[in-house]
């Protein structure tokens, strides 16, 4: 999972309590572009859209709506164009 926004480190109140997956915007087989929202996280005070760091085909989704996640958790596996070209 991407790192929390910098403001969470200085204030911390938004990230108080569990962080969970509110909504998934992807499923296996989808093509996603870099910076396209793949899911929405929620804490007790804020909802945060998480973008894809790369373009690629979704090979596996490792979380489900309602799951509690930690910073650094694996969210999804993508096959990038470089990977697809060698297959």
N, C-alpha and C. Protein backbone atom coordinates (compact mmCIF):
# COMPACT_ATOMS: atom_id res chain seq x y z
N UNK A 1 0.85 -1.17 0.00
CA UNK A 1 0.00 0.00 0.00
C UNK A 1 0.89 1.23 0.00
N UNK A 2 0.53 2.26 -0.74
CA UNK A 2 1.33 3.49 -0.71
C UNK A 2 1.41 4.07 0.69
N UNK A 3 2.43 4.86 0.91
CA UNK A 3 2.58 5.50 2.21
C UNK A 3 1.45 6.48 2.43
N UNK A 4 1.12 6.68 3.69
CA UNK A 4 0.08 7.65 4.02
C UNK A 4 0.54 9.04 3.63
N UNK A 5 -0.38 9.96 3.36
CA UNK A 5 0.01 11.33 3.01
C UNK A 5 0.86 11.97 4.11
N UNK A 6 1.75 12.88 3.71
CA UNK A 6 2.67 13.52 4.65
C UNK A 6 1.95 14.20 5.81
N UNK A 7 0.77 14.75 5.56
CA UNK A 7 0.06 15.45 6.62
C UNK A 7 -0.33 14.50 7.75
N UNK A 8 -0.48 13.20 7.47
CA UNK A 8 -0.84 12.25 8.52
C UNK A 8 0.30 12.09 9.51
N UNK A 9 1.55 12.26 9.05
CA UNK A 9 2.69 12.13 9.94
C UNK A 9 2.78 13.29 10.92
N UNK A 10 2.44 14.49 10.47
CA UNK A 10 2.55 15.65 11.35
C UNK A 10 1.36 15.78 12.30
N UNK A 11 0.17 15.45 11.83
CA UNK A 11 -1.04 15.60 12.63
C UNK A 11 -1.44 14.27 13.26
N UNK A 12 -1.61 13.27 12.41
CA UNK A 12 -1.94 11.94 12.89
C UNK A 12 -3.39 11.71 13.22
N UNK A 13 -4.19 12.74 13.36
CA UNK A 13 -5.56 12.53 13.80
C UNK A 13 -6.42 11.86 12.73
N UNK A 14 -6.12 12.07 11.46
CA UNK A 14 -6.90 11.43 10.40
C UNK A 14 -6.69 9.92 10.39
N UNK A 15 -5.49 9.50 10.73
CA UNK A 15 -5.15 8.08 10.67
C UNK A 15 -5.38 7.38 12.00
N UNK A 16 -5.99 8.05 12.97
CA UNK A 16 -6.26 7.41 14.25
C UNK A 16 -7.24 6.27 14.04
N UNK A 17 -6.93 5.13 14.62
CA UNK A 17 -7.81 3.98 14.49
C UNK A 17 -7.48 3.15 13.27
N UNK A 18 -8.28 2.12 13.02
CA UNK A 18 -7.99 1.22 11.90
C UNK A 18 -8.20 1.88 10.54
N UNK A 19 -7.41 1.44 9.58
CA UNK A 19 -7.55 1.88 8.19
C UNK A 19 -8.09 0.67 7.43
N UNK A 20 -9.22 0.85 6.76
CA UNK A 20 -9.80 -0.30 6.06
C UNK A 20 -10.18 0.06 4.63
N UNK A 21 -10.35 -0.99 3.83
CA UNK A 21 -10.73 -0.84 2.43
C UNK A 21 -12.22 -0.54 2.39
N UNK A 22 -12.57 0.64 1.92
CA UNK A 22 -13.97 1.03 1.80
C UNK A 22 -14.56 0.47 0.51
N UNK A 23 -13.81 0.61 -0.59
CA UNK A 23 -14.33 0.21 -1.90
C UNK A 23 -13.19 -0.17 -2.83
N UNK A 24 -13.36 -1.24 -3.58
CA UNK A 24 -12.41 -1.62 -4.63
C UNK A 24 -12.92 -1.10 -5.96
N UNK A 25 -12.02 -0.54 -6.77
CA UNK A 25 -12.39 -0.03 -8.08
C UNK A 25 -11.83 -0.91 -9.20
N UNK A 26 -11.21 -2.03 -8.83
CA UNK A 26 -10.58 -2.92 -9.81
C UNK A 26 -11.02 -4.36 -9.56
N UNK A 27 -10.82 -5.17 -10.59
CA UNK A 27 -10.98 -6.61 -10.45
C UNK A 27 -10.00 -7.29 -11.40
N UNK A 28 -9.76 -8.56 -11.17
CA UNK A 28 -8.82 -9.31 -12.01
C UNK A 28 -9.23 -9.18 -13.47
N UNK A 29 -8.24 -8.89 -14.32
CA UNK A 29 -8.46 -8.74 -15.75
C UNK A 29 -8.58 -7.30 -16.21
N UNK A 30 -8.84 -6.38 -15.27
CA UNK A 30 -8.95 -4.96 -15.64
C UNK A 30 -7.61 -4.41 -16.07
N UNK A 31 -7.63 -3.46 -16.99
CA UNK A 31 -6.45 -2.67 -17.34
C UNK A 31 -6.54 -1.36 -16.57
N UNK A 32 -5.48 -0.99 -15.86
CA UNK A 32 -5.46 0.27 -15.13
C UNK A 32 -4.31 1.13 -15.64
N UNK A 33 -4.54 2.42 -15.65
CA UNK A 33 -3.51 3.38 -16.02
C UNK A 33 -2.82 3.88 -14.76
N UNK A 34 -1.60 4.35 -14.92
CA UNK A 34 -0.87 4.94 -13.80
C UNK A 34 -1.72 6.10 -13.25
N UNK A 35 -1.79 6.20 -11.94
CA UNK A 35 -2.53 7.23 -11.20
C UNK A 35 -4.05 7.04 -11.22
N UNK A 36 -4.55 5.98 -11.85
CA UNK A 36 -5.98 5.68 -11.80
C UNK A 36 -6.31 5.11 -10.41
N UNK A 37 -7.43 5.51 -9.84
CA UNK A 37 -7.82 5.02 -8.52
C UNK A 37 -8.11 3.53 -8.57
N UNK A 38 -7.46 2.78 -7.66
CA UNK A 38 -7.69 1.33 -7.59
C UNK A 38 -8.56 0.95 -6.40
N UNK A 39 -8.56 1.79 -5.36
CA UNK A 39 -9.40 1.53 -4.20
C UNK A 39 -9.50 2.78 -3.35
N UNK A 40 -10.44 2.74 -2.40
CA UNK A 40 -10.61 3.83 -1.45
C UNK A 40 -10.42 3.27 -0.05
N UNK A 41 -9.53 3.92 0.70
CA UNK A 41 -9.30 3.58 2.11
C UNK A 41 -10.13 4.50 2.96
N UNK A 42 -10.46 4.05 4.17
CA UNK A 42 -11.18 4.92 5.10
C UNK A 42 -10.67 4.72 6.51
N UNK A 43 -10.59 5.85 7.23
CA UNK A 43 -10.32 5.82 8.66
C UNK A 43 -11.58 6.40 9.31
N UNK A 44 -11.50 6.64 10.58
CA UNK A 44 -12.64 7.24 11.25
C UNK A 44 -12.94 8.65 10.80
N UNK A 45 -11.96 9.31 10.16
CA UNK A 45 -12.13 10.72 9.82
C UNK A 45 -11.97 11.08 8.35
N UNK A 46 -11.44 10.20 7.53
CA UNK A 46 -11.15 10.57 6.15
C UNK A 46 -11.24 9.35 5.23
N UNK A 47 -11.67 9.59 3.98
CA UNK A 47 -11.61 8.59 2.92
C UNK A 47 -10.52 9.04 1.95
N UNK A 48 -9.72 8.11 1.49
CA UNK A 48 -8.58 8.46 0.64
C UNK A 48 -8.52 7.52 -0.55
N UNK A 49 -8.57 8.09 -1.78
CA UNK A 49 -8.43 7.30 -3.00
C UNK A 49 -6.97 6.94 -3.18
N UNK A 50 -6.69 5.67 -3.45
CA UNK A 50 -5.33 5.18 -3.66
C UNK A 50 -5.15 4.92 -5.16
N UNK A 51 -4.16 5.60 -5.78
CA UNK A 51 -3.92 5.41 -7.21
C UNK A 51 -2.96 4.26 -7.49
N UNK A 52 -3.02 3.75 -8.70
CA UNK A 52 -2.08 2.73 -9.14
C UNK A 52 -0.73 3.40 -9.42
N UNK A 53 0.37 2.79 -8.96
CA UNK A 53 1.68 3.37 -9.23
C UNK A 53 2.17 3.10 -10.66
N UNK A 54 1.54 2.14 -11.36
CA UNK A 54 1.93 1.78 -12.72
C UNK A 54 0.70 1.50 -13.57
N UNK A 55 0.90 1.46 -14.87
CA UNK A 55 -0.13 0.97 -15.79
C UNK A 55 0.06 -0.53 -15.93
N UNK A 56 -1.03 -1.25 -16.08
CA UNK A 56 -0.92 -2.69 -16.29
C UNK A 56 -2.24 -3.41 -16.13
N UNK A 57 -2.19 -4.71 -16.36
CA UNK A 57 -3.37 -5.58 -16.22
C UNK A 57 -3.38 -6.13 -14.79
N UNK A 58 -4.55 -6.10 -14.14
CA UNK A 58 -4.69 -6.63 -12.79
C UNK A 58 -4.67 -8.16 -12.86
N UNK A 59 -3.65 -8.75 -12.24
CA UNK A 59 -3.48 -10.20 -12.23
C UNK A 59 -4.11 -10.81 -10.98
N UNK A 60 -3.98 -10.10 -9.86
CA UNK A 60 -4.52 -10.60 -8.60
C UNK A 60 -4.85 -9.42 -7.69
N UNK A 61 -5.94 -9.53 -6.95
CA UNK A 61 -6.32 -8.53 -5.95
C UNK A 61 -6.16 -9.21 -4.59
N UNK A 62 -5.36 -8.60 -3.71
CA UNK A 62 -5.01 -9.22 -2.43
C UNK A 62 -5.85 -8.74 -1.26
N UNK A 63 -6.78 -7.83 -1.48
CA UNK A 63 -7.62 -7.28 -0.42
C UNK A 63 -9.07 -7.28 -0.88
N UNK A 64 -9.96 -7.13 0.07
CA UNK A 64 -11.39 -7.05 -0.24
C UNK A 64 -11.99 -5.89 0.54
N UNK A 65 -13.13 -5.41 0.08
CA UNK A 65 -13.84 -4.35 0.80
C UNK A 65 -14.09 -4.81 2.23
N UNK A 66 -13.80 -3.92 3.17
CA UNK A 66 -13.97 -4.23 4.59
C UNK A 66 -12.71 -4.71 5.28
N UNK A 67 -11.69 -5.12 4.51
CA UNK A 67 -10.42 -5.57 5.12
C UNK A 67 -9.73 -4.40 5.82
N UNK A 68 -9.12 -4.67 6.96
CA UNK A 68 -8.26 -3.71 7.64
C UNK A 68 -6.85 -3.93 7.09
N UNK A 69 -6.16 -2.84 6.75
CA UNK A 69 -4.83 -2.95 6.15
C UNK A 69 -3.83 -2.08 6.90
N UNK A 70 -2.57 -2.49 6.82
CA UNK A 70 -1.47 -1.73 7.38
C UNK A 70 -0.71 -1.03 6.26
N UNK A 71 0.01 0.02 6.61
CA UNK A 71 0.86 0.69 5.63
C UNK A 71 1.86 -0.31 5.09
N UNK A 72 2.02 -0.35 3.78
CA UNK A 72 2.95 -1.27 3.14
C UNK A 72 2.30 -2.58 2.70
N UNK A 73 1.00 -2.78 2.99
CA UNK A 73 0.32 -4.03 2.63
C UNK A 73 0.23 -4.17 1.11
N UNK A 74 0.34 -5.39 0.62
CA UNK A 74 0.18 -5.68 -0.81
C UNK A 74 -1.29 -5.58 -1.16
N UNK A 75 -1.62 -4.76 -2.15
CA UNK A 75 -3.02 -4.52 -2.53
C UNK A 75 -3.42 -5.32 -3.76
N UNK A 76 -2.57 -5.27 -4.79
CA UNK A 76 -2.88 -5.95 -6.05
C UNK A 76 -1.58 -6.24 -6.78
N UNK A 77 -1.63 -7.22 -7.67
CA UNK A 77 -0.50 -7.53 -8.54
C UNK A 77 -0.87 -7.14 -9.96
N UNK A 78 0.01 -6.38 -10.61
CA UNK A 78 -0.19 -5.93 -11.98
C UNK A 78 0.84 -6.57 -12.90
N UNK A 79 0.42 -6.91 -14.10
CA UNK A 79 1.34 -7.29 -15.16
C UNK A 79 1.52 -6.04 -16.01
N UNK A 80 2.73 -5.52 -16.06
CA UNK A 80 3.00 -4.32 -16.83
C UNK A 80 3.27 -4.68 -18.28
N UNK A 81 3.36 -3.68 -19.15
CA UNK A 81 3.63 -3.94 -20.56
C UNK A 81 4.94 -4.71 -20.75
N UNK A 82 5.96 -4.39 -19.96
CA UNK A 82 7.23 -5.08 -20.07
C UNK A 82 7.05 -6.56 -19.71
N UNK A 83 6.27 -6.85 -18.70
CA UNK A 83 6.00 -8.22 -18.31
C UNK A 83 5.19 -8.94 -19.38
N UNK A 84 4.16 -8.29 -19.90
CA UNK A 84 3.30 -8.90 -20.91
C UNK A 84 4.07 -9.18 -22.20
N UNK A 85 5.05 -8.34 -22.53
CA UNK A 85 5.81 -8.51 -23.78
C UNK A 85 6.72 -9.74 -23.73
N UNK A 86 7.13 -10.15 -22.52
CA UNK A 86 8.03 -11.29 -22.40
C UNK A 86 7.29 -12.60 -22.24
N UNK A 87 6.00 -12.55 -22.04
CA UNK A 87 5.21 -13.79 -21.86
C UNK A 87 4.88 -14.44 -23.19
